[in-house]
Amino acid sequence: MENSKPETWNTPPSVQPENKKIIAGVLGIIFGYLGIHKFVLGYTKEGVIQLVLSIVTCGVAGIIGFIEGIIYLTKTDEEFYQTYQVGKKGWF
């Protein structure tokens, strides 16, 4: 008699993409003026720009990081992944 169970031994496990939403959001809120959240997401150029802007404006440009942190945390996991990790949207 044949077993009607589907074969699962040869199917690869589903790969969960690494989602950096929480860490990037929290770092954006707390250390947004340093651009650390940009470096975590792999946006080196944008991170350096954020850091320089914060130095030039005496930290006032840190509001950008704060706003981005809130935006990151309010997006769904899938939206965040598609927008910032696949689509590589650098700002807001």
PDB file of N, CA and C in Angstrom:
ATOM      1  N   MET A   1       0.828  -1.176   0.000  1.00  0.00           N
ATOM      2  CA  MET A   1       0.000   0.000   0.000  1.00  0.00           C
ATOM      3  C   MET A   1       0.879   1.248   0.000  1.00  0.00           C
ATOM      4  N   GLU A   2       0.453   2.183  -0.765  1.00  0.00           N
ATOM      5  CA  GLU A   2       1.211   3.425  -0.859  1.00  0.00           C
ATOM      6  C   GLU A   2       0.788   4.400   0.222  1.00  0.00           C
ATOM      7  N   ASN A   3       1.771   5.118   0.666  1.00  0.00           N
ATOM      8  CA  ASN A   3       1.516   6.158   1.653  1.00  0.00           C
ATOM      9  C   ASN A   3       1.176   7.447   0.897  1.00  0.00           C
ATOM     10  N   SER A   4       0.090   8.102   1.246  1.00  0.00           N
ATOM     11  CA  SER A   4      -0.335   9.297   0.516  1.00  0.00           C
ATOM     12  C   SER A   4       0.256  10.593   1.085  1.00  0.00           C
ATOM     13  N   LYS A   5       1.207  10.460   1.993  1.00  0.00           N
ATOM     14  CA  LYS A   5       1.862  11.644   2.550  1.00  0.00           C
ATOM     15  C   LYS A   5       2.759  12.279   1.497  1.00  0.00           C
ATOM     16  N   PRO A   6       2.730  13.596   1.372  1.00  0.00           N
ATOM     17  CA  PRO A   6       3.642  14.232   0.412  1.00  0.00           C
ATOM     18  C   PRO A   6       5.086  14.131   0.893  1.00  0.00           C
ATOM     19  N   GLU A   7       5.970  14.019  -0.067  1.00  0.00           N
ATOM     20  CA  GLU A   7       7.384  13.926   0.278  1.00  0.00           C
ATOM     21  C   GLU A   7       7.919  15.311   0.614  1.00  0.00           C
ATOM     22  N   THR A   8       8.486  15.443   1.788  1.00  0.00           N
ATOM     23  CA  THR A   8       9.048  16.733   2.187  1.00  0.00           C
ATOM     24  C   THR A   8      10.536  16.636   2.473  1.00  0.00           C
ATOM     25  N   TRP A   9      11.093  15.482   2.362  1.00  0.00           N
ATOM     26  CA  TRP A   9      12.502  15.310   2.698  1.00  0.00           C
ATOM     27  C   TRP A   9      13.421  15.997   1.695  1.00  0.00           C
ATOM     28  N   ASN A  10      12.951  16.160   0.458  1.00  0.00           N
ATOM     29  CA  ASN A  10      13.827  16.740  -0.555  1.00  0.00           C
ATOM     30  C   ASN A  10      13.483  18.190  -0.909  1.00  0.00           C
ATOM     31  N   THR A  11      12.593  18.816  -0.168  1.00  0.00           N
ATOM     32  CA  THR A  11      12.289  20.224  -0.429  1.00  0.00           C
ATOM     33  C   THR A  11      13.153  21.100   0.470  1.00  0.00           C
ATOM     34  N   PRO A  12      13.735  22.131  -0.099  1.00  0.00           N
ATOM     35  CA  PRO A  12      14.591  23.003   0.721  1.00  0.00           C
ATOM     36  C   PRO A  12      13.745  23.792   1.721  1.00  0.00           C
ATOM     37  N   PRO A  13      14.306  24.062   2.879  1.00  0.00           N
ATOM     38  CA  PRO A  13      13.558  24.849   3.862  1.00  0.00           C
ATOM     39  C   PRO A  13      13.372  26.279   3.354  1.00  0.00           C
ATOM     40  N   SER A  14      12.262  26.876   3.738  1.00  0.00           N
ATOM     41  CA  SER A  14      12.029  28.257   3.306  1.00  0.00           C
ATOM     42  C   SER A  14      13.003  29.176   4.033  1.00  0.00           C
ATOM     43  N   VAL A  15      13.558  30.082   3.287  1.00  0.00           N
ATOM     44  CA  VAL A  15      14.551  30.995   3.838  1.00  0.00           C
ATOM     45  C   VAL A  15      13.853  32.284   4.246  1.00  0.00           C
ATOM     46  N   GLN A  16      13.997  32.645   5.500  1.00  0.00           N
ATOM     47  CA  GLN A  16      13.441  33.905   5.987  1.00  0.00           C
ATOM     48  C   GLN A  16      14.468  35.001   5.742  1.00  0.00           C
ATOM     49  N   PRO A  17      14.091  36.056   5.033  1.00  0.00           N
ATOM     50  CA  PRO A  17      15.043  37.145   4.828  1.00  0.00           C
ATOM     51  C   PRO A  17      15.326  37.845   6.152  1.00  0.00           C
ATOM     52  N   GLU A  18      16.550  38.305   6.293  1.00  0.00           N
ATOM     53  CA  GLU A  18      16.930  38.995   7.519  1.00  0.00           C
ATOM     54  C   GLU A  18      16.244  40.354   7.537  1.00  0.00           C
ATOM     55  N   ASN A  19      15.410  40.566   8.528  1.00  0.00           N
ATOM     56  CA  ASN A  19      14.686  41.822   8.628  1.00  0.00           C
ATOM     57  C   ASN A  19      15.294  42.653   9.747  1.00  0.00           C
ATOM     58  N   LYS A  20      15.783  43.814   9.397  1.00  0.00           N
ATOM     59  CA  LYS A  20      16.471  44.680  10.351  1.00  0.00           C
ATOM     60  C   LYS A  20      15.579  45.826  10.806  1.00  0.00           C
ATOM     61  N   LYS A  21      14.278  45.652  10.696  1.00  0.00           N
ATOM     62  CA  LYS A  21      13.334  46.726  10.978  1.00  0.00           C
ATOM     63  C   LYS A  21      13.435  47.250  12.403  1.00  0.00           C
ATOM     64  N   ILE A  22      13.381  46.384  13.387  1.00  0.00           N
ATOM     65  CA  ILE A  22      13.368  46.807  14.791  1.00  0.00           C
ATOM     66  C   ILE A  22      14.675  47.492  15.167  1.00  0.00           C
ATOM     67  N   ILE A  23      15.793  46.870  14.839  1.00  0.00           N
ATOM     68  CA  ILE A  23      17.088  47.443  15.223  1.00  0.00           C
ATOM     69  C   ILE A  23      17.311  48.782  14.516  1.00  0.00           C
ATOM     70  N   ALA A  24      16.961  48.872  13.225  1.00  0.00           N
ATOM     71  CA  ALA A  24      17.137  50.132  12.497  1.00  0.00           C
ATOM     72  C   ALA A  24      16.201  51.206  13.036  1.00  0.00           C
ATOM     73  N   GLY A  25      14.976  50.831  13.372  1.00  0.00           N
ATOM     74  CA  GLY A  25      14.024  51.798  13.905  1.00  0.00           C
ATOM     75  C   GLY A  25      14.442  52.352  15.249  1.00  0.00           C
ATOM     76  N   VAL A  26      14.851  51.475  16.152  1.00  0.00           N
ATOM     77  CA  VAL A  26      15.272  51.913  17.487  1.00  0.00           C
ATOM     78  C   VAL A  26      16.545  52.754  17.399  1.00  0.00           C
ATOM     79  N   LEU A  27      17.498  52.305  16.597  1.00  0.00           N
ATOM     80  CA  LEU A  27      18.731  53.087  16.437  1.00  0.00           C
ATOM     81  C   LEU A  27      18.456  54.437  15.779  1.00  0.00           C
ATOM     82  N   GLY A  28      17.494  54.477  14.859  1.00  0.00           N
ATOM     83  CA  GLY A  28      17.133  55.740  14.230  1.00  0.00           C
ATOM     84  C   GLY A  28      16.550  56.720  15.227  1.00  0.00           C
ATOM     85  N   ILE A  29      15.737  56.222  16.149  1.00  0.00           N
ATOM     86  CA  ILE A  29      15.126  57.095  17.155  1.00  0.00           C
ATOM     87  C   ILE A  29      16.160  57.562  18.175  1.00  0.00           C
ATOM     88  N   ILE A  30      16.996  56.654  18.644  1.00  0.00           N
ATOM     89  CA  ILE A  30      17.942  56.996  19.712  1.00  0.00           C
ATOM     90  C   ILE A  30      19.208  57.666  19.175  1.00  0.00           C
ATOM     91  N   PHE A  31      19.802  57.085  18.146  1.00  0.00           N
ATOM     92  CA  PHE A  31      21.077  57.586  17.618  1.00  0.00           C
ATOM     93  C   PHE A  31      20.957  58.083  16.180  1.00  0.00           C
ATOM     94  N   GLY A  32      19.787  58.572  15.802  1.00  0.00           N
ATOM     95  CA  GLY A  32      19.554  59.015  14.431  1.00  0.00           C
ATOM     96  C   GLY A  32      20.490  60.106  13.975  1.00  0.00           C
ATOM     97  N   TYR A  33      20.896  60.954  14.897  1.00  0.00           N
ATOM     98  CA  TYR A  33      21.795  62.056  14.536  1.00  0.00           C
ATOM     99  C   TYR A  33      23.161  61.557  14.088  1.00  0.00           C
ATOM    100  N   LEU A  34      23.529  60.343  14.476  1.00  0.00           N
ATOM    101  CA  LEU A  34      24.809  59.766  14.054  1.00  0.00           C
ATOM    102  C   LEU A  34      24.695  58.957  12.759  1.00  0.00           C
ATOM    103  N   GLY A  35      23.479  58.687  12.315  1.00  0.00           N
ATOM    104  CA  GLY A  35      23.271  57.916  11.095  1.00  0.00           C
ATOM    105  C   GLY A  35      23.534  56.431  11.248  1.00  0.00           C
ATOM    106  N   ILE A  36      23.564  55.938  12.476  1.00  0.00           N
ATOM    107  CA  ILE A  36      23.872  54.522  12.709  1.00  0.00           C
ATOM    108  C   ILE A  36      22.849  53.614  12.037  1.00  0.00           C
ATOM    109  N   HIS A  37      21.589  54.016  12.028  1.00  0.00           N
ATOM    110  CA  HIS A  37      20.555  53.194  11.400  1.00  0.00           C
ATOM    111  C   HIS A  37      20.826  53.012   9.908  1.00  0.00           C
ATOM    112  N   LYS A  38      21.453  53.990   9.284  1.00  0.00           N
ATOM    113  CA  LYS A  38      21.804  53.876   7.866  1.00  0.00           C
ATOM    114  C   LYS A  38      22.906  52.836   7.661  1.00  0.00           C
ATOM    115  N   PHE A  39      23.898  52.849   8.547  1.00  0.00           N
ATOM    116  CA  PHE A  39      24.987  51.876   8.440  1.00  0.00           C
ATOM    117  C   PHE A  39      24.473  50.453   8.658  1.00  0.00           C
ATOM    118  N   VAL A  40      23.529  50.277   9.576  1.00  0.00           N
ATOM    119  CA  VAL A  40      22.958  48.952   9.850  1.00  0.00           C
ATOM    120  C   VAL A  40      22.266  48.407   8.604  1.00  0.00           C
ATOM    121  N   LEU A  41      21.603  49.287   7.862  1.00  0.00           N
ATOM    122  CA  LEU A  41      20.902  48.862   6.649  1.00  0.00           C
ATOM    123  C   LEU A  41      21.822  48.742   5.434  1.00  0.00           C
ATOM    124  N   GLY A  42      23.086  49.119   5.592  1.00  0.00           N
ATOM    125  CA  GLY A  42      24.043  49.008   4.499  1.00  0.00           C
ATOM    126  C   GLY A  42      24.136  50.248   3.636  1.00  0.00           C
ATOM    127  N   TYR A  43      23.585  51.354   4.088  1.00  0.00           N
ATOM    128  CA  TYR A  43      23.635  52.616   3.354  1.00  0.00           C
ATOM    129  C   TYR A  43      24.798  53.448   3.871  1.00  0.00           C
ATOM    130  N   THR A  44      25.995  53.111   3.470  1.00  0.00           N
ATOM    131  CA  THR A  44      27.186  53.791   3.980  1.00  0.00           C
ATOM    132  C   THR A  44      27.218  55.259   3.563  1.00  0.00           C
ATOM    133  N   LYS A  45      26.958  55.530   2.294  1.00  0.00           N
ATOM    134  CA  LYS A  45      26.996  56.912   1.802  1.00  0.00           C
ATOM    135  C   LYS A  45      25.979  57.782   2.548  1.00  0.00           C
ATOM    136  N   GLU A  46      24.755  57.280   2.700  1.00  0.00           N
ATOM    137  CA  GLU A  46      23.721  58.038   3.399  1.00  0.00           C
ATOM    138  C   GLU A  46      24.060  58.217   4.874  1.00  0.00           C
ATOM    139  N   GLY A  47      24.699  57.206   5.476  1.00  0.00           N
ATOM    140  CA  GLY A  47      25.112  57.301   6.873  1.00  0.00           C
ATOM    141  C   GLY A  47      26.154  58.382   7.087  1.00  0.00           C
ATOM    142  N   VAL A  48      27.116  58.457   6.181  1.00  0.00           N
ATOM    143  CA  VAL A  48      28.152  59.491   6.275  1.00  0.00           C
ATOM    144  C   VAL A  48      27.531  60.873   6.076  1.00  0.00           C
ATOM    145  N   ILE A  49      26.615  60.995   5.117  1.00  0.00           N
ATOM    146  CA  ILE A  49      25.935  62.273   4.892  1.00  0.00           C
ATOM    147  C   ILE A  49      25.166  62.690   6.142  1.00  0.00           C
ATOM    148  N   GLN A  50      24.452  61.755   6.753  1.00  0.00           N
ATOM    149  CA  GLN A  50      23.693  62.052   7.976  1.00  0.00           C
ATOM    150  C   GLN A  50      24.622  62.513   9.095  1.00  0.00           C
ATOM    151  N   LEU A  51      25.739  61.848   9.247  1.00  0.00           N
ATOM    152  CA  LEU A  51      26.704  62.207  10.289  1.00  0.00           C
ATOM    153  C   LEU A  51      27.280  63.606  10.047  1.00  0.00           C
ATOM    154  N   VAL A  52      27.667  63.888   8.818  1.00  0.00           N
ATOM    155  CA  VAL A  52      28.225  65.207   8.492  1.00  0.00           C
ATOM    156  C   VAL A  52      27.173  66.298   8.690  1.00  0.00           C
ATOM    157  N   LEU A  53      25.946  66.044   8.244  1.00  0.00           N
ATOM    158  CA  LEU A  53      24.875  67.028   8.441  1.00  0.00           C
ATOM    159  C   LEU A  53      24.645  67.318   9.918  1.00  0.00           C
ATOM    160  N   SER A  54      24.698  66.286  10.733  1.00  0.00           N
ATOM    161  CA  SER A  54      24.500  66.486  12.170  1.00  0.00           C
ATOM    162  C   SER A  54      25.624  67.303  12.788  1.00  0.00           C
ATOM    163  N   ILE A  55      26.840  67.082  12.330  1.00  0.00           N
ATOM    164  CA  ILE A  55      27.974  67.855  12.851  1.00  0.00           C
ATOM    165  C   ILE A  55      27.851  69.315  12.416  1.00  0.00           C
ATOM    166  N   VAL A  56      27.532  69.532  11.142  1.00  0.00           N
ATOM    167  CA  VAL A  56      27.433  70.890  10.605  1.00  0.00           C
ATOM    168  C   VAL A  56      26.282  71.665  11.251  1.00  0.00           C
ATOM    169  N   THR A  57      25.165  70.993  11.505  1.00  0.00           N
ATOM    170  CA  THR A  57      23.993  71.678  12.064  1.00  0.00           C
ATOM    171  C   THR A  57      23.898  71.532  13.581  1.00  0.00           C
ATOM    172  N   CYS A  58      24.965  71.093  14.203  1.00  0.00           N
ATOM    173  CA  CYS A  58      25.005  70.903  15.667  1.00  0.00           C
ATOM    174  C   CYS A  58      23.899  69.971  16.160  1.00  0.00           C
ATOM    175  N   GLY A  59      23.616  68.937  15.405  1.00  0.00           N
ATOM    176  CA  GLY A  59      22.662  67.917  15.822  1.00  0.00           C
ATOM    177  C   GLY A  59      21.232  68.143  15.385  1.00  0.00           C
ATOM    178  N   VAL A  60      20.942  69.309  14.828  1.00  0.00           N
ATOM    179  CA  VAL A  60      19.569  69.604  14.407  1.00  0.00           C
ATOM    180  C   VAL A  60      19.110  68.631  13.316  1.00  0.00           C
ATOM    181  N   ALA A  61      20.007  68.210  12.445  1.00  0.00           N
ATOM    182  CA  ALA A  61      19.656  67.271  11.378  1.00  0.00           C
ATOM    183  C   ALA A  61      19.316  65.891  11.936  1.00  0.00           C
ATOM    184  N   GLY A  62      19.521  65.690  13.228  1.00  0.00           N
ATOM    185  CA  GLY A  62      19.155  64.426  13.857  1.00  0.00           C
ATOM    186  C   GLY A  62      17.671  64.154  13.817  1.00  0.00           C
ATOM    187  N   ILE A  63      16.874  65.182  13.577  1.00  0.00           N
ATOM    188  CA  ILE A  63      15.430  64.993  13.460  1.00  0.00           C
ATOM    189  C   ILE A  63      15.108  64.066  12.289  1.00  0.00           C
ATOM    190  N   ILE A  64      15.969  64.063  11.267  1.00  0.00           N
ATOM    191  CA  ILE A  64      15.775  63.168  10.120  1.00  0.00           C
ATOM    192  C   ILE A  64      15.845  61.715  10.581  1.00  0.00           C
ATOM    193  N   GLY A  65      16.859  61.395  11.373  1.00  0.00           N
ATOM    194  CA  GLY A  65      16.993  60.033  11.886  1.00  0.00           C
ATOM    195  C   GLY A  65      15.837  59.645  12.781  1.00  0.00           C
ATOM    196  N   PHE A  66      15.370  60.581  13.598  1.00  0.00           N
ATOM    197  CA  PHE A  66      14.235  60.325  14.485  1.00  0.00           C
ATOM    198  C   PHE A  66      12.982  59.998  13.674  1.00  0.00           C
ATOM    199  N   ILE A  67      12.718  60.802  12.650  1.00  0.00           N
ATOM    200  CA  ILE A  67      11.549  60.572  11.797  1.00  0.00           C
ATOM    201  C   ILE A  67      11.680  59.245  11.055  1.00  0.00           C
ATOM    202  N   GLU A  68      12.875  58.961  10.539  1.00  0.00           N
ATOM    203  CA  GLU A  68      13.075  57.692   9.828  1.00  0.00           C
ATOM    204  C   GLU A  68      12.877  56.503  10.755  1.00  0.00           C
ATOM    205  N   GLY A  69      13.341  56.609  11.998  1.00  0.00           N
ATOM    206  CA  GLY A  69      13.134  55.529  12.956  1.00  0.00           C
ATOM    207  C   GLY A  69      11.667  55.243  13.176  1.00  0.00           C
ATOM    208  N   ILE A  70      10.867  56.289  13.289  1.00  0.00           N
ATOM    209  CA  ILE A  70       9.421  56.115  13.462  1.00  0.00           C
ATOM    210  C   ILE A  70       8.807  55.495  12.210  1.00  0.00           C
ATOM    211  N   ILE A  71       9.235  55.956  11.042  1.00  0.00           N
ATOM    212  CA  ILE A  71       8.725  55.392   9.786  1.00  0.00           C
ATOM    213  C   ILE A  71       9.065  53.907   9.693  1.00  0.00           C
ATOM    214  N   TYR A  72      10.298  53.544  10.033  1.00  0.00           N
ATOM    215  CA  TYR A  72      10.708  52.136   9.981  1.00  0.00           C
ATOM    216  C   TYR A  72       9.812  51.276  10.868  1.00  0.00           C
ATOM    217  N   LEU A  73       9.542  51.744  12.075  1.00  0.00           N
ATOM    218  CA  LEU A  73       8.776  50.944  13.032  1.00  0.00           C
ATOM    219  C   LEU A  73       7.289  50.872  12.696  1.00  0.00           C
ATOM    220  N   THR A  74       6.767  51.828  11.939  1.00  0.00           N
ATOM    221  CA  THR A  74       5.342  51.799  11.613  1.00  0.00           C
ATOM    222  C   THR A  74       5.042  51.010  10.342  1.00  0.00           C
ATOM    223  N   LYS A  75       6.045  50.671   9.574  1.00  0.00           N
ATOM    224  CA  LYS A  75       5.830  49.848   8.378  1.00  0.00           C
ATOM    225  C   LYS A  75       5.668  48.381   8.779  1.00  0.00           C
ATOM    226  N   THR A  76       4.945  47.628   7.957  1.00  0.00           N
ATOM    227  CA  THR A  76       4.867  46.191   8.191  1.00  0.00           C
ATOM    228  C   THR A  76       6.226  45.581   7.857  1.00  0.00           C
ATOM    229  N   ASP A  77       6.462  44.372   8.331  1.00  0.00           N
ATOM    230  CA  ASP A  77       7.735  43.708   8.058  1.00  0.00           C
ATOM    231  C   ASP A  77       7.978  43.579   6.554  1.00  0.00           C
ATOM    232  N   GLU A  78       6.939  43.195   5.819  1.00  0.00           N
ATOM    233  CA  GLU A  78       7.084  43.002   4.378  1.00  0.00           C
ATOM    234  C   GLU A  78       7.344  44.330   3.666  1.00  0.00           C
ATOM    235  N   GLU A  79       6.618  45.384   4.051  1.00  0.00           N
ATOM    236  CA  GLU A  79       6.845  46.710   3.453  1.00  0.00           C
ATOM    237  C   GLU A  79       8.269  47.183   3.706  1.00  0.00           C
ATOM    238  N   PHE A  80       8.717  47.030   4.943  1.00  0.00           N
ATOM    239  CA  PHE A  80      10.067  47.459   5.297  1.00  0.00           C
ATOM    240  C   PHE A  80      11.098  46.694   4.485  1.00  0.00           C
ATOM    241  N   TYR A  81      10.942  45.372   4.423  1.00  0.00           N
ATOM    242  CA  TYR A  81      11.894  44.542   3.691  1.00  0.00           C
ATOM    243  C   TYR A  81      11.942  44.939   2.218  1.00  0.00           C
ATOM    244  N   GLN A  82      10.779  45.075   1.595  1.00  0.00           N
ATOM    245  CA  GLN A  82      10.736  45.412   0.172  1.00  0.00           C
ATOM    246  C   GLN A  82      11.265  46.821  -0.102  1.00  0.00           C
ATOM    247  N   THR A  83      10.970  47.765   0.784  1.00  0.00           N
ATOM    248  CA  THR A  83      11.356  49.158   0.554  1.00  0.00           C
ATOM    249  C   THR A  83      12.825  49.413   0.833  1.00  0.00           C
ATOM    250  N   TYR A  84      13.313  48.961   1.984  1.00  0.00           N
ATOM    251  CA  TYR A  84      14.649  49.362   2.430  1.00  0.00           C
ATOM    252  C   TYR A  84      15.730  48.303   2.250  1.00  0.00           C
ATOM    253  N   GLN A  85      15.355  47.037   2.144  1.00  0.00           N
ATOM    254  CA  GLN A  85      16.376  46.011   1.991  1.00  0.00           C
ATOM    255  C   GLN A  85      16.439  45.479   0.562  1.00  0.00           C
ATOM    256  N   VAL A  86      15.312  45.413  -0.115  1.00  0.00           N
ATOM    257  CA  VAL A  86      15.322  44.975  -1.509  1.00  0.00           C
ATOM    258  C   VAL A  86      15.417  46.192  -2.429  1.00  0.00           C
ATOM    259  N   GLY A  87      14.550  47.181  -2.195  1.00  0.00           N
ATOM    260  CA  GLY A  87      14.500  48.365  -3.046  1.00  0.00           C
ATOM    261  C   GLY A  87      15.605  49.372  -2.787  1.00  0.00           C
ATOM    262  N   LYS A  88      16.276  49.257  -1.650  1.00  0.00           N
ATOM    263  CA  LYS A  88      17.393  50.137  -1.277  1.00  0.00           C
ATOM    264  C   LYS A  88      17.024  51.622  -1.343  1.00  0.00           C
ATOM    265  N   LYS A  89      15.885  51.970  -0.736  1.00  0.00           N
ATOM    266  CA  LYS A  89      15.471  53.375  -0.667  1.00  0.00           C
ATOM    267  C   LYS A  89      16.272  54.042   0.440  1.00  0.00           C
ATOM    268  N   GLY A  90      17.121  54.986   0.093  1.00  0.00           N
ATOM    269  CA  GLY A  90      18.061  55.574   1.040  1.00  0.00           C
ATOM    270  C   GLY A  90      17.484  56.554   2.029  1.00  0.00           C
ATOM    271  N   TRP A  91      16.518  57.345   1.618  1.00  0.00           N
ATOM    272  CA  TRP A  91      15.990  58.390   2.499  1.00  0.00           C
ATOM    273  C   TRP A  91      14.484  58.252   2.631  1.00  0.00           C
ATOM    274  N   PHE A  92      14.006  58.392   3.840  1.00  0.00           N
ATOM    275  CA  PHE A  92      12.590  58.318   4.206  1.00  0.00           C
ATOM    276  C   PHE A  92      11.950  57.148   3.516  1.00  0.00           C
TER     277      PHE A  92
END
